Amino acid sequence: MTLRGGSAILGVDYSSPSNVVGVPVNFAVGDTVVTVSYAISTDTLIEDTETFTLDLTLAGTTSDSFATILSPSFTTVYIIDCTGR
């Protein structure tokens, strides 16, 4: 899974696992859902809604893999003024 631009800033407005842009997501045989957590940072600023997008792609597949990613293969995350008040 990779992060794609938006108005939110990685490491400032949110953090990903290991605070990196690309995060491996592993599905066990038969799994169709995996949860990945992104922490939303709190601050004292009043801000407009900010966004970032997560793209799911196949990586490291082999000829005997039967994995398919259906459309849409991305989701946009909206951070709505997280001031911590």
Protein backbone atom coordinates (compact mmCIF):
# COMPACT_ATOMS: atom_id res chain seq x y z
CA MET A 1 0.00 0.00 0.00
CA THR A 2 1.35 3.41 -0.86
CA LEU A 3 0.42 6.94 0.10
CA ARG A 4 -0.45 9.43 -2.57
CA GLY A 5 -0.38 13.19 -2.07
CA GLY A 6 -3.04 15.34 -0.61
CA SER A 7 -3.14 18.37 1.62
CA ALA A 8 -2.26 16.43 4.81
CA ILE A 9 1.46 16.03 5.56
CA LEU A 10 2.93 12.70 6.64
CA GLY A 11 4.65 13.10 10.02
CA VAL A 12 2.81 16.36 10.73
CA ASP A 13 -0.92 15.73 10.27
CA TYR A 14 -0.81 11.93 10.49
CA SER A 15 1.62 9.06 10.80
CA SER A 16 1.69 5.75 8.99
CA PRO A 17 3.09 2.50 10.33
CA SER A 18 6.88 3.12 10.50
CA ASN A 19 6.14 6.65 9.16
CA VAL A 20 6.98 5.61 5.60
CA VAL A 21 5.16 6.14 2.31
CA GLY A 22 5.03 2.46 1.32
CA VAL A 23 3.63 -0.05 3.82
CA PRO A 24 3.44 -3.78 3.07
CA VAL A 25 0.00 -5.25 3.71
CA ASN A 26 -0.16 -9.03 3.79
CA PHE A 27 -3.33 -11.00 3.24
CA ALA A 28 -3.45 -14.57 4.50
CA VAL A 29 -5.06 -17.21 2.30
CA GLY A 30 -8.82 -16.61 2.34
CA ASP A 31 -8.60 -13.09 3.84
CA THR A 32 -10.49 -10.33 2.07
CA VAL A 33 -10.02 -7.57 4.68
CA VAL A 34 -6.94 -6.30 6.51
CA THR A 35 -6.90 -3.34 8.92
CA VAL A 36 -4.08 -0.80 8.72
CA SER A 37 -3.97 2.02 11.28
CA TYR A 38 -2.89 5.60 10.67
CA ALA A 39 -2.61 7.90 13.68
CA ILE A 40 -4.10 11.37 13.24
CA SER A 41 -2.04 14.09 14.95
CA THR A 42 -3.68 16.65 17.18
CA ASP A 43 -2.59 20.27 17.26
CA THR A 44 -3.97 23.64 18.31
CA LEU A 45 -4.44 24.99 14.79
CA ILE A 46 -7.85 25.49 13.25
CA GLU A 47 -7.45 24.03 9.77
CA ASP A 48 -9.51 23.17 6.73
CA THR A 49 -10.21 19.51 6.01
CA GLU A 50 -7.01 17.79 4.89
CA THR A 51 -6.65 14.61 2.85
CA PHE A 52 -4.31 11.80 1.87
CA THR A 53 -4.93 8.82 -0.40
CA LEU A 54 -4.05 5.15 0.08
CA ASP A 55 -3.38 3.05 -3.02
CA LEU A 56 -3.47 -0.75 -2.86
CA THR A 57 -1.24 -2.50 -5.41
CA LEU A 58 -0.02 -6.04 -5.96
CA ALA A 59 3.66 -6.58 -5.26
CA GLY A 60 5.81 -9.66 -5.22
CA THR A 61 3.20 -11.87 -6.87
CA THR A 62 4.19 -15.09 -8.56
CA SER A 63 2.73 -16.98 -11.49
CA ASP A 64 0.80 -19.21 -9.08
CA SER A 65 -0.77 -16.25 -7.23
CA PHE A 66 -4.50 -15.76 -7.59
CA ALA A 67 -4.72 -12.29 -6.10
CA THR A 68 -6.85 -9.62 -7.72
CA ILE A 69 -7.46 -6.05 -6.63
CA LEU A 70 -10.92 -4.85 -7.57
CA SER A 71 -11.85 -1.30 -8.43
CA PRO A 72 -11.56 1.09 -6.74
CA SER A 73 -8.04 0.23 -5.58
CA PHE A 74 -7.67 3.42 -3.54
CA THR A 75 -9.41 5.39 -0.82
CA THR A 76 -9.13 9.01 0.23
CA VAL A 77 -8.86 9.75 3.95
CA TYR A 78 -10.31 13.04 5.22
CA ILE A 79 -8.94 14.67 8.40
CA ILE A 80 -11.50 17.11 9.74
CA ASP A 81 -9.88 19.78 12.00
CA CYS A 82 -8.25 17.62 14.66
CA THR A 83 -7.37 20.37 17.18
CA GLY A 84 -7.35 18.19 20.28
CA ARG A 85 -9.69 20.54 22.13
